[in-house]
Amino acid sequence: MIFDRLRQGTGAEQRHRAWSKLRIFVAAMGTLCSAAGIAIAVFGLVQFNDTKVIAGVVMIVVSTVVYVTILVRDRDRVD
């Protein structure tokens, strides 16, 4: 796997750069999923569909938690 190769032959700076790119990608996906959850919740409100509203809110909460946890980390740590 790609991460095994990162551990063996590369330095700490390259591993840090790869993990940073991965974290940025996951944070971007979290933001997009949150926007999709907002859209689902709004459509559910327009249609008076409680199931869609709840699904949209759950999607917003989960994606926001993923977004925050992927961005919060120890800044002094070298991966």
C-alpha atoms as a PDB file:
ATOM      1  CA  MET A   1       0.000   0.000   0.000  1.00  0.00           C
ATOM      2  CA  ILE A   2       1.123   3.581  -0.511  1.00  0.00           C
ATOM      3  CA  PHE A   3       1.474   4.309   3.199  1.00  0.00           C
ATOM      4  CA  ASP A   4       3.864   1.378   3.687  1.00  0.00           C
ATOM      5  CA  ARG A   5       6.162   2.876   1.084  1.00  0.00           C
ATOM      6  CA  LEU A   6       5.906   6.256   2.795  1.00  0.00           C
ATOM      7  CA  ARG A   7       7.104   4.790   6.077  1.00  0.00           C
ATOM      8  CA  GLN A   8      10.051   2.827   4.717  1.00  0.00           C
ATOM      9  CA  GLY A   9      11.943   4.967   2.260  1.00  0.00           C
ATOM     10  CA  THR A  10      11.014   8.537   3.005  1.00  0.00           C
ATOM     11  CA  GLY A  11      11.772  11.103   5.603  1.00  0.00           C
ATOM     12  CA  ALA A  12       9.528  12.628   8.192  1.00  0.00           C
ATOM     13  CA  GLU A  13       8.990  15.733   6.094  1.00  0.00           C
ATOM     14  CA  GLN A  14       7.579  13.779   3.136  1.00  0.00           C
ATOM     15  CA  ARG A  15       5.296  11.741   5.396  1.00  0.00           C
ATOM     16  CA  HIS A  16       4.095  14.952   7.002  1.00  0.00           C
ATOM     17  CA  ARG A  17       3.367  16.451   3.584  1.00  0.00           C
ATOM     18  CA  ALA A  18       1.431  13.358   2.438  1.00  0.00           C
ATOM     19  CA  TRP A  19      -0.675  13.243   5.620  1.00  0.00           C
ATOM     20  CA  SER A  20      -1.328  16.986   5.349  1.00  0.00           C
ATOM     21  CA  LYS A  21      -2.652  16.554   1.817  1.00  0.00           C
ATOM     22  CA  LEU A  22      -4.845  13.679   2.962  1.00  0.00           C
ATOM     23  CA  ARG A  23      -6.228  15.743   5.850  1.00  0.00           C
ATOM     24  CA  ILE A  24      -6.994  18.650   3.515  1.00  0.00           C
ATOM     25  CA  PHE A  25      -8.821  16.295   1.132  1.00  0.00           C
ATOM     26  CA  VAL A  26     -10.914  14.796   3.942  1.00  0.00           C
ATOM     27  CA  ALA A  27     -11.691  18.280   5.286  1.00  0.00           C
ATOM     28  CA  ALA A  28     -12.843  19.386   1.818  1.00  0.00           C
ATOM     29  CA  MET A  29     -15.047  16.303   1.514  1.00  0.00           C
ATOM     30  CA  GLY A  30     -16.500  17.054   4.955  1.00  0.00           C
ATOM     31  CA  THR A  31     -17.375  20.562   3.843  1.00  0.00           C
ATOM     32  CA  LEU A  32     -19.035  19.328   0.652  1.00  0.00           C
ATOM     33  CA  CYS A  33     -20.992  16.662   2.535  1.00  0.00           C
ATOM     34  CA  SER A  34     -22.170  19.281   4.993  1.00  0.00           C
ATOM     35  CA  ALA A  35     -23.427  21.432   2.117  1.00  0.00           C
ATOM     36  CA  ALA A  36     -25.240  18.401   0.695  1.00  0.00           C
ATOM     37  CA  GLY A  37     -26.801  17.781   4.119  1.00  0.00           C
ATOM     38  CA  ILE A  38     -28.047  21.359   4.182  1.00  0.00           C
ATOM     39  CA  ALA A  39     -29.607  20.878   0.748  1.00  0.00           C
ATOM     40  CA  ILE A  40     -31.308  17.647   1.847  1.00  0.00           C
ATOM     41  CA  ALA A  41     -32.646  19.311   4.991  1.00  0.00           C
ATOM     42  CA  VAL A  42     -34.002  22.297   3.032  1.00  0.00           C
ATOM     43  CA  PHE A  43     -35.711  20.044   0.489  1.00  0.00           C
ATOM     44  CA  GLY A  44     -37.184  18.077   3.366  1.00  0.00           C
ATOM     45  CA  LEU A  45     -38.534  21.268   4.907  1.00  0.00           C
ATOM     46  CA  VAL A  46     -40.065  22.360   1.612  1.00  0.00           C
ATOM     47  CA  GLN A  47     -41.753  18.965   1.164  1.00  0.00           C
ATOM     48  CA  PHE A  48     -42.768  18.718   4.853  1.00  0.00           C
ATOM     49  CA  ASN A  49     -40.855  15.424   5.042  1.00  0.00           C
ATOM     50  CA  ASP A  50     -39.479  14.882   8.549  1.00  0.00           C
ATOM     51  CA  THR A  51     -37.345  11.923   7.470  1.00  0.00           C
ATOM     52  CA  LYS A  52     -35.412  14.013   4.960  1.00  0.00           C
ATOM     53  CA  VAL A  53     -34.921  16.795   7.489  1.00  0.00           C
ATOM     54  CA  ILE A  54     -33.553  14.389  10.076  1.00  0.00           C
ATOM     55  CA  ALA A  55     -31.309  12.708   7.479  1.00  0.00           C
ATOM     56  CA  GLY A  56     -29.972  16.120   6.414  1.00  0.00           C
ATOM     57  CA  VAL A  57     -29.290  17.177   9.994  1.00  0.00           C
ATOM     58  CA  VAL A  58     -27.513  13.894  10.746  1.00  0.00           C
ATOM     59  CA  MET A  59     -25.403  14.357   7.624  1.00  0.00           C
ATOM     60  CA  ILE A  60     -24.504  17.898   8.685  1.00  0.00           C
ATOM     61  CA  VAL A  61     -23.512  16.798  12.183  1.00  0.00           C
ATOM     62  CA  VAL A  62     -21.431  13.818  11.052  1.00  0.00           C
ATOM     63  CA  SER A  63     -19.585  15.746   8.350  1.00  0.00           C
ATOM     64  CA  THR A  64     -18.914  18.638  10.717  1.00  0.00           C
ATOM     65  CA  VAL A  65     -17.464  16.267  13.307  1.00  0.00           C
ATOM     66  CA  VAL A  66     -15.240  14.692  10.637  1.00  0.00           C
ATOM     67  CA  TYR A  67     -14.172  18.140   9.436  1.00  0.00           C
ATOM     68  CA  VAL A  68     -13.261  19.375  12.917  1.00  0.00           C
ATOM     69  CA  THR A  69     -11.483  16.213  14.054  1.00  0.00           C
ATOM     70  CA  ILE A  70      -9.355  16.003  10.920  1.00  0.00           C
ATOM     71  CA  LEU A  71      -8.206  19.608  11.283  1.00  0.00           C
ATOM     72  CA  VAL A  72      -7.527  19.539  15.015  1.00  0.00           C
ATOM     73  CA  ARG A  73      -4.250  17.869  15.796  1.00  0.00           C
ATOM     74  CA  ASP A  74      -0.976  18.434  17.620  1.00  0.00           C
ATOM     75  CA  ARG A  75       0.894  21.024  15.557  1.00  0.00           C
ATOM     76  CA  ASP A  76       4.318  20.084  16.970  1.00  0.00           C
ATOM     77  CA  ARG A  77       3.983  16.424  16.030  1.00  0.00           C
ATOM     78  CA  VAL A  78       5.847  15.105  13.006  1.00  0.00           C
ATOM     79  CA  ASP A  79       3.940  12.228  11.413  1.00  0.00           C
END
